[in-house]
């Protein structure tokens, strides 16, 4: 972000803390079936497939031949590959012969991908290079067969992929001005330190909601982050369908008393970037975390939590211990949210909870649902 934007955000939060007020909108209520209805989820899944999604960090493909295999929403098998020219490709992780998965989920480095079923092999550009007993397939020209490639772009230190559509991705346009912030927190010069993932029995929107409001901090996180943050004090701005939220810490009270040249927002707040619909980057004082909420059904979501640290900062045992402690603290805080998210969904599914409410200071949640509905409507009218 620009320096003037950083100072404006600091002042905006500090003034709210000083006056003990909040940025507010209208109250909202809604039927709980928006989380539990399978047809609703199908409609959401339809538009999600047309949007570019953050699927990995550039550091996860560090060199020529690097690959990462993973399942995305709707359990779509992805294979990310960096070719000899340094370009990243996103392929369907499926052999063109009989559809077998080429690589088990995970990462590595190689020059050829060989199908474990019949040994058809592909190069790093997805081109079919060899068919054992080629005489059995006289009609096939190797040059005509490639892995199914999906639109992708490497931008801002991340790899973005769209599951449907032939046209290329323009992430600068898609991010609607938010892309410039990647330079601000130096995302390209960070590397993956640690990650964990698990499938939770809840709806993806419940998980996203937990990241974009601080109303629950005082109670849900009383044993972790609550003592660090101002109760319910956060501000957010919209960039197309994406959000930048500032979650103010108690240190925000002193911000306007610090010399302007020494004011850095990371000293007074965590900054959460919510890339619609399901990816988040949490910028902390000396590193950042990524949370991926990957929907599998209306009631299941695979959540991946990753910690990224500056390049060259994992050289000593002391540094490793520092980053490990940060990762565990972030993970444990999020686990408090995830356990509650399962309980919330259970209450909705059983009918114990049939209506939900968003308070006036939970304005980001209101906008999340309005944007979700707008995407469904646009998809239905296309």
Protein backbone atom coordinates (compact mmCIF):
# COMPACT_ATOMS: atom_id res chain seq x y z
CA UNK A 1 0.00 0.00 0.00
CA UNK A 2 1.08 3.59 -0.47
CA UNK A 3 2.59 5.41 2.50
CA UNK A 4 -0.28 7.91 2.61
CA UNK A 5 -2.77 5.01 2.71
CA UNK A 6 -0.91 3.42 5.61
CA UNK A 7 -1.01 6.66 7.60
CA UNK A 8 -4.70 7.19 6.81
CA UNK A 9 -5.58 3.68 8.02
CA UNK A 10 -3.63 4.20 11.25
CA UNK A 11 -5.41 7.49 11.90
CA UNK A 12 -8.79 6.00 11.04
CA UNK A 13 -8.37 3.23 13.63
CA UNK A 14 -6.81 5.51 16.22
CA UNK A 15 -9.72 7.97 16.02
CA UNK A 16 -12.21 5.14 16.50
CA UNK A 17 -10.26 3.94 19.54
CA UNK A 18 -10.07 7.45 20.97
CA UNK A 19 -13.79 8.08 20.61
CA UNK A 20 -14.72 4.46 21.48
CA UNK A 21 -16.86 4.23 18.34
CA UNK A 22 -17.07 1.82 15.42
CA UNK A 23 -17.68 2.03 11.69
CA UNK A 24 -21.22 0.76 11.31
CA UNK A 25 -23.87 -0.17 8.79
CA UNK A 26 -27.43 -1.51 9.04
CA UNK A 27 -28.27 -4.68 10.93
CA UNK A 28 -28.93 -7.77 8.85
CA UNK A 29 -30.67 -11.04 9.48
CA UNK A 30 -30.94 -14.09 7.26
CA UNK A 31 -32.21 -17.64 7.10
CA UNK A 32 -29.63 -20.20 8.21
CA UNK A 33 -30.37 -22.35 5.15
CA UNK A 34 -27.99 -20.13 3.16
CA UNK A 35 -25.26 -22.23 4.81
CA UNK A 36 -26.91 -25.66 4.70
CA UNK A 37 -28.80 -25.80 1.38
CA UNK A 38 -27.07 -28.11 -1.16
CA UNK A 39 -28.62 -26.19 -4.07
CA UNK A 40 -27.21 -22.95 -2.72
CA UNK A 41 -23.78 -24.53 -2.59
CA UNK A 42 -24.09 -25.77 -6.17
CA UNK A 43 -24.83 -22.20 -7.26
CA UNK A 44 -21.80 -20.93 -5.36
CA UNK A 45 -19.58 -23.63 -6.80
CA UNK A 46 -20.69 -22.70 -10.33
CA UNK A 47 -19.44 -19.12 -10.05
CA UNK A 48 -16.32 -20.07 -8.05
CA UNK A 49 -15.09 -22.12 -11.00
CA UNK A 50 -15.13 -19.01 -13.19
CA UNK A 51 -13.06 -16.86 -10.79
CA UNK A 52 -9.25 -16.84 -10.49
CA UNK A 53 -8.19 -18.35 -7.16
CA UNK A 54 -4.99 -18.08 -5.15
CA UNK A 55 -3.79 -21.70 -5.05
CA UNK A 56 -0.11 -21.52 -4.03
CA UNK A 57 2.82 -19.24 -3.27
CA UNK A 58 5.62 -18.84 -5.80
CA UNK A 59 8.15 -20.19 -3.29
CA UNK A 60 6.36 -23.55 -3.43
CA UNK A 61 7.74 -23.95 -6.98
CA UNK A 62 11.29 -22.70 -6.38
CA UNK A 63 13.07 -23.98 -9.50
CA UNK A 64 12.88 -25.52 -12.94
CA UNK A 65 11.01 -28.81 -12.67
CA UNK A 66 9.31 -27.98 -9.37
CA UNK A 67 5.76 -29.24 -9.07
CA UNK A 68 2.98 -29.28 -6.51
CA UNK A 69 -0.07 -31.55 -6.72
CA UNK A 70 -3.15 -30.65 -4.70
CA UNK A 71 -6.92 -30.96 -4.69
CA UNK A 72 -8.89 -27.74 -5.04
CA UNK A 73 -12.56 -27.10 -4.39
CA UNK A 74 -14.97 -29.77 -5.55
CA UNK A 75 -11.88 -32.03 -5.16
CA UNK A 76 -10.55 -30.94 -8.56
CA UNK A 77 -7.01 -32.41 -8.96
CA UNK A 78 -4.45 -29.70 -9.80
CA UNK A 79 -0.83 -30.08 -10.91
CA UNK A 80 1.28 -26.91 -10.75
CA UNK A 81 4.58 -27.03 -12.64
CA UNK A 82 7.45 -24.60 -13.30
CA UNK A 83 8.93 -25.22 -16.75
CA UNK A 84 12.48 -24.74 -18.06
CA UNK A 85 11.79 -21.07 -18.89
CA UNK A 86 10.51 -20.38 -15.39
CA UNK A 87 6.85 -20.17 -16.38
CA UNK A 88 4.25 -21.75 -14.13
CA UNK A 89 1.60 -24.02 -15.68
CA UNK A 90 -1.57 -25.29 -14.02
CA UNK A 91 -2.75 -28.65 -15.35
CA UNK A 92 -5.54 -31.03 -14.48
CA UNK A 93 -3.67 -33.77 -12.63
CA UNK A 94 -5.06 -36.47 -14.92
CA UNK A 95 -3.48 -38.55 -17.68
CA UNK A 96 -5.10 -38.07 -21.09
CA UNK A 97 -5.19 -41.83 -21.66
CA UNK A 98 -7.54 -43.09 -18.93
CA UNK A 99 -7.65 -40.19 -16.45
CA UNK A 100 -5.33 -41.58 -13.79
CA UNK A 101 -3.79 -39.08 -11.38
CA UNK A 102 -0.22 -38.42 -12.49
CA UNK A 103 1.18 -37.29 -9.15
CA UNK A 104 0.05 -37.98 -5.61
CA UNK A 105 -0.68 -34.84 -3.63
CA UNK A 106 2.56 -33.26 -2.50
CA UNK A 107 5.56 -31.61 -4.12
CA UNK A 108 8.87 -32.45 -5.76
CA UNK A 109 11.06 -31.81 -8.76
CA UNK A 110 11.31 -33.79 -12.02
CA UNK A 111 11.55 -33.42 -15.80
CA UNK A 112 8.84 -35.92 -16.76
CA UNK A 113 5.47 -36.90 -15.35
CA UNK A 114 4.85 -40.60 -15.88
CA UNK A 115 1.38 -42.04 -15.41
CA UNK A 116 1.44 -44.81 -12.77
CA UNK A 117 -1.22 -46.76 -14.69
CA UNK A 118 0.22 -47.25 -18.21
CA UNK A 119 3.39 -45.08 -18.17
CA UNK A 120 2.28 -42.41 -20.64
CA UNK A 121 4.74 -39.56 -20.02
CA UNK A 122 4.53 -35.76 -20.28
CA UNK A 123 7.10 -32.97 -20.18
CA UNK A 124 6.98 -29.82 -18.05
CA UNK A 125 4.86 -28.02 -20.64
CA UNK A 126 2.25 -30.80 -20.46
CA UNK A 127 3.15 -32.23 -23.87
CA UNK A 128 2.75 -35.97 -24.32
CA UNK A 129 6.23 -37.39 -25.03
CA UNK A 130 5.92 -41.17 -24.98
CA UNK A 131 3.34 -43.97 -25.20
CA UNK A 132 4.62 -47.46 -24.40
CA UNK A 133 3.64 -49.81 -27.23
CA UNK A 134 2.75 -46.89 -29.43
CA UNK A 135 1.71 -49.34 -32.17
CA UNK A 136 -1.51 -49.88 -30.24
CA UNK A 137 -2.52 -46.25 -30.84
CA UNK A 138 -1.80 -45.64 -34.54
CA UNK A 139 -4.23 -42.69 -34.76
CA UNK A 140 -2.52 -40.67 -32.02
CA UNK A 141 0.09 -38.05 -32.91
CA UNK A 142 2.10 -37.25 -29.77
CA UNK A 143 2.24 -33.58 -30.77
CA UNK A 144 -1.55 -33.38 -30.64
CA UNK A 145 -1.94 -34.52 -27.03
CA UNK A 146 -1.28 -32.32 -23.98
CA UNK A 147 -2.44 -32.31 -20.41
CA UNK A 148 -5.51 -30.16 -19.88
CA UNK A 149 -4.13 -26.72 -19.04
CA UNK A 150 -6.08 -24.20 -16.98
CA UNK A 151 -5.80 -20.41 -17.16
CA UNK A 152 -3.19 -19.27 -14.64
CA UNK A 153 -0.96 -16.34 -13.74
CA UNK A 154 1.91 -15.80 -11.33
CA UNK A 155 1.29 -12.43 -9.72
CA UNK A 156 2.34 -10.77 -6.48
CA UNK A 157 4.31 -13.78 -5.31
CA UNK A 158 1.31 -16.11 -5.69
CA UNK A 159 -0.04 -18.51 -8.32
CA UNK A 160 -3.64 -17.92 -9.41
CA UNK A 161 -5.75 -20.45 -11.32
CA UNK A 162 -9.25 -20.53 -12.79
CA UNK A 163 -10.94 -23.92 -13.20
CA UNK A 164 -13.25 -22.89 -16.06
CA UNK A 165 -12.90 -20.61 -19.05
CA UNK A 166 -10.44 -20.41 -21.89
CA UNK A 167 -9.38 -16.78 -21.69
CA UNK A 168 -6.20 -15.77 -19.86
CA UNK A 169 -6.19 -14.32 -16.35
CA UNK A 170 -5.47 -10.64 -15.67
CA UNK A 171 -4.86 -10.54 -11.93
CA UNK A 172 -4.02 -6.84 -11.81
CA UNK A 173 -7.51 -6.10 -13.14
CA UNK A 174 -9.15 -8.82 -11.06
CA UNK A 175 -7.71 -7.46 -7.81
CA UNK A 176 -9.12 -3.99 -8.55
CA UNK A 177 -6.17 -2.06 -7.13
CA UNK A 178 -5.37 -4.38 -4.23
CA UNK A 179 -2.47 -6.01 -6.07
CA UNK A 180 -0.14 -3.12 -5.22
CA UNK A 181 -0.21 -4.19 -1.57
CA UNK A 182 1.78 -7.33 -2.38
CA UNK A 183 4.83 -5.12 -2.86
CA UNK A 184 4.15 -3.40 0.45
CA UNK A 185 4.39 -6.60 2.51
CA UNK A 186 7.06 -8.00 0.16
CA UNK A 187 5.21 -11.22 -0.56
CA UNK A 188 7.62 -12.34 -3.29
CA UNK A 189 10.56 -12.42 -0.88
CA UNK A 190 9.01 -14.87 1.55
CA UNK A 191 9.13 -18.67 1.66
CA UNK A 192 6.88 -21.36 3.08
CA UNK A 193 7.95 -22.33 6.60
CA UNK A 194 5.15 -24.63 7.80
CA UNK A 195 1.65 -25.76 6.90
CA UNK A 196 -1.19 -27.95 8.15
CA UNK A 197 -4.55 -28.85 6.66
CA UNK A 198 -7.69 -30.60 7.80
CA UNK A 199 -11.27 -31.13 6.62
CA UNK A 200 -13.82 -29.44 8.90
CA UNK A 201 -17.54 -30.23 8.94
CA UNK A 202 -18.84 -26.74 8.33
CA UNK A 203 -19.80 -24.35 5.56
CA UNK A 204 -17.08 -22.28 3.90
CA UNK A 205 -18.88 -18.98 4.58
CA UNK A 206 -18.84 -19.59 8.34
CA UNK A 207 -15.07 -19.98 8.20
CA UNK A 208 -14.58 -16.85 6.09
CA UNK A 209 -16.82 -14.86 8.45
CA UNK A 210 -14.61 -15.77 11.40
CA UNK A 211 -11.70 -13.94 9.81
CA UNK A 212 -13.39 -10.66 8.92
CA UNK A 213 -14.83 -9.57 12.25
CA UNK A 214 -13.30 -9.04 15.67
CA UNK A 215 -16.53 -9.15 17.69
CA UNK A 216 -15.73 -12.72 18.75
CA UNK A 217 -12.12 -12.07 19.82
CA UNK A 218 -12.84 -11.22 23.47
CA UNK A 219 -14.68 -14.48 24.12
CA UNK A 220 -13.57 -17.06 21.55
CA UNK A 221 -9.90 -16.09 21.75
CA UNK A 222 -9.66 -15.14 25.42
CA UNK A 223 -6.72 -17.52 25.89
CA UNK A 224 -4.80 -16.49 22.77
CA UNK A 225 -5.10 -13.17 20.93
CA UNK A 226 -7.86 -11.37 22.85
CA UNK A 227 -5.46 -9.56 25.23
CA UNK A 228 -3.63 -8.08 22.22
CA UNK A 229 -6.58 -6.61 20.28
CA UNK A 230 -9.17 -3.87 20.74
CA UNK A 231 -12.63 -5.29 21.30
CA UNK A 232 -14.69 -5.14 18.04
CA UNK A 233 -12.44 -2.48 16.51
CA UNK A 234 -11.70 -3.16 12.87
CA UNK A 235 -12.11 -1.28 9.60
CA UNK A 236 -12.28 -2.62 6.09
CA UNK A 237 -12.19 -1.39 2.49
CA UNK A 238 -13.43 -3.07 -0.67
CA UNK A 239 -11.50 -3.69 -3.87
CA UNK A 240 -13.99 -5.20 -6.27
CA UNK A 241 -15.15 -8.33 -4.37
CA UNK A 242 -12.02 -8.40 -2.19
CA UNK A 243 -11.45 -6.88 1.28
CA UNK A 244 -8.58 -5.32 3.17
CA UNK A 245 -9.38 -5.40 6.89
CA UNK A 246 -7.37 -3.72 9.63
CA UNK A 247 -7.69 -5.52 12.98
CA UNK A 248 -6.58 -2.96 15.55
CA UNK A 249 -4.42 -3.93 18.51
CA UNK A 250 -4.36 -2.21 21.89
CA UNK A 251 -1.21 -0.38 20.72
CA UNK A 252 -3.38 1.67 18.33
CA UNK A 253 -4.14 4.05 21.23
CA UNK A 254 -0.58 5.36 21.19
CA UNK A 255 -0.25 5.61 17.42
CA UNK A 256 -1.04 9.30 16.98
CA UNK A 257 1.44 10.15 19.72
CA UNK A 258 4.29 8.47 17.86
CA UNK A 259 6.30 10.54 15.37
CA UNK A 260 4.70 10.22 11.93
CA UNK A 261 7.87 8.90 10.36
CA UNK A 262 7.90 6.04 12.88
CA UNK A 263 4.28 4.99 12.44
CA UNK A 264 4.02 1.56 10.84
CA UNK A 265 0.64 -0.09 10.72
CA UNK A 266 2.08 -3.54 11.43
CA UNK A 267 3.01 -2.24 14.92
CA UNK A 268 -0.60 -1.36 15.68
CA UNK A 269 -2.67 -3.92 13.81
CA UNK A 270 -2.82 -7.11 11.79
CA UNK A 271 -3.92 -6.61 8.21
CA UNK A 272 -6.15 -9.25 6.67
CA UNK A 273 -6.54 -9.53 2.90
CA UNK A 274 -9.63 -11.52 1.93
CA UNK A 275 -9.49 -12.62 -1.70
CA UNK A 276 -13.02 -13.54 -2.63
CA UNK A 277 -14.33 -16.05 -2.12
CA UNK A 278 -12.08 -18.16 0.08
CA UNK A 279 -8.40 -17.18 0.40
CA UNK A 280 -6.93 -14.95 3.11
CA UNK A 281 -3.51 -13.47 3.79
CA UNK A 282 -2.89 -12.27 7.34
CA UNK A 283 0.01 -9.79 7.54
CA UNK A 284 1.63 -9.81 10.97
CA UNK A 285 4.56 -7.72 12.28
CA UNK A 286 7.40 -9.74 10.71
CA UNK A 287 5.78 -12.36 8.44
CA UNK A 288 2.44 -13.42 7.01
CA UNK A 289 0.08 -16.38 7.12
CA UNK A 290 -2.22 -17.76 4.42
CA UNK A 291 -5.53 -19.45 5.17
CA UNK A 292 -7.28 -21.36 2.38
CA UNK A 293 -10.91 -22.36 2.94
CA UNK A 294 -11.46 -24.91 0.15
CA UNK A 295 -15.16 -25.91 -0.11
CA UNK A 296 -15.91 -29.59 -0.70
CA UNK A 297 -19.68 -29.53 -0.06
CA UNK A 298 -22.17 -27.33 1.73
CA UNK A 299 -21.07 -28.97 4.98
CA UNK A 300 -17.39 -29.75 4.47
CA UNK A 301 -14.40 -27.51 3.90
CA UNK A 302 -10.71 -28.33 3.68
CA UNK A 303 -8.72 -25.66 5.51
CA UNK A 304 -5.02 -25.11 4.87
CA UNK A 305 -3.01 -22.89 7.22
CA UNK A 306 0.46 -21.79 6.09
CA UNK A 307 3.15 -19.54 7.54
CA UNK A 308 5.51 -17.65 5.21
CA UNK A 309 8.71 -16.03 6.48
CA UNK A 310 11.35 -13.74 4.91
CA UNK A 311 13.94 -15.45 2.75
CA UNK A 312 17.13 -16.19 4.65
CA UNK A 313 15.47 -16.00 8.07
CA UNK A 314 15.51 -19.72 8.87
CA UNK A 315 19.25 -20.21 9.23
CA UNK A 316 19.69 -20.79 12.96
CA UNK A 317 17.95 -22.90 15.58
CA UNK A 318 16.85 -19.72 17.33
CA UNK A 319 15.21 -18.42 14.14
CA UNK A 320 13.51 -21.75 13.49
CA UNK A 321 12.15 -21.80 17.04
CA UNK A 322 10.84 -18.24 16.60
CA UNK A 323 8.95 -19.10 13.41
CA UNK A 324 7.69 -22.39 14.78
CA UNK A 325 6.24 -20.59 17.80
CA UNK A 326 4.56 -18.06 15.48
CA UNK A 327 3.10 -20.81 13.31
CA UNK A 328 1.74 -22.72 16.30
CA UNK A 329 0.24 -19.58 17.85
CA UNK A 330 -1.55 -18.68 14.59
CA UNK A 331 -2.71 -22.26 14.06
CA UNK A 332 -3.97 -22.64 17.63
CA UNK A 333 -5.86 -19.35 17.43
CA UNK A 334 -7.53 -20.43 14.20
CA UNK A 335 -8.38 -23.82 15.66
CA UNK A 336 -10.51 -21.99 18.21
CA UNK A 337 -12.49 -20.57 15.29
CA UNK A 338 -12.70 -23.86 13.41
CA UNK A 339 -14.09 -25.83 16.37
CA UNK A 340 -16.77 -23.18 16.86
CA UNK A 341 -17.51 -23.19 13.11
CA UNK A 342 -18.35 -26.89 13.28
CA UNK A 343 -20.64 -26.29 16.24
CA UNK A 344 -22.36 -23.41 14.45
CA UNK A 345 -22.97 -25.51 11.36
CA UNK A 346 -24.28 -28.41 13.44
CA UNK A 347 -26.81 -26.08 15.06
CA UNK A 348 -27.93 -24.82 11.68
CA UNK A 349 -28.14 -28.30 10.16
CA UNK A 350 -30.28 -29.68 12.99
CA UNK A 351 -32.59 -26.67 12.98
CA UNK A 352 -31.52 -25.55 16.45
CA UNK A 353 -30.42 -22.32 14.75
CA UNK A 354 -32.78 -21.19 12.02
CA UNK A 355 -31.82 -17.54 11.73
CA UNK A 356 -28.54 -15.61 11.97
CA UNK A 357 -27.89 -11.95 12.77
CA UNK A 358 -25.12 -9.53 11.82
CA UNK A 359 -24.62 -6.52 14.07
CA UNK A 360 -24.02 -2.99 12.81
CA UNK A 361 -20.26 -3.27 13.34
CA UNK A 362 -20.12 -6.61 11.49
CA UNK A 363 -20.35 -4.74 8.19
CA UNK A 364 -17.78 -6.89 6.38
CA UNK A 365 -19.99 -9.95 6.93
CA UNK A 366 -22.96 -8.16 5.44
CA UNK A 367 -20.93 -7.26 2.36
CA UNK A 368 -19.58 -10.82 2.02
CA UNK A 369 -23.10 -12.16 1.66
CA UNK A 370 -24.20 -9.37 -0.67
CA UNK A 371 -21.23 -10.06 -2.94
CA UNK A 372 -21.90 -13.80 -2.82
CA UNK A 373 -25.52 -13.23 -3.85
CA UNK A 374 -24.49 -10.86 -6.64
CA UNK A 375 -22.17 -13.50 -8.11
CA UNK A 376 -24.91 -16.13 -8.01
CA UNK A 377 -27.37 -13.76 -9.67
CA UNK A 378 -24.86 -12.83 -12.37
CA UNK A 379 -24.14 -16.51 -13.04
CA UNK A 380 -27.83 -17.33 -13.31
CA UNK A 381 -28.53 -14.47 -15.72
CA UNK A 382 -25.53 -15.16 -17.97
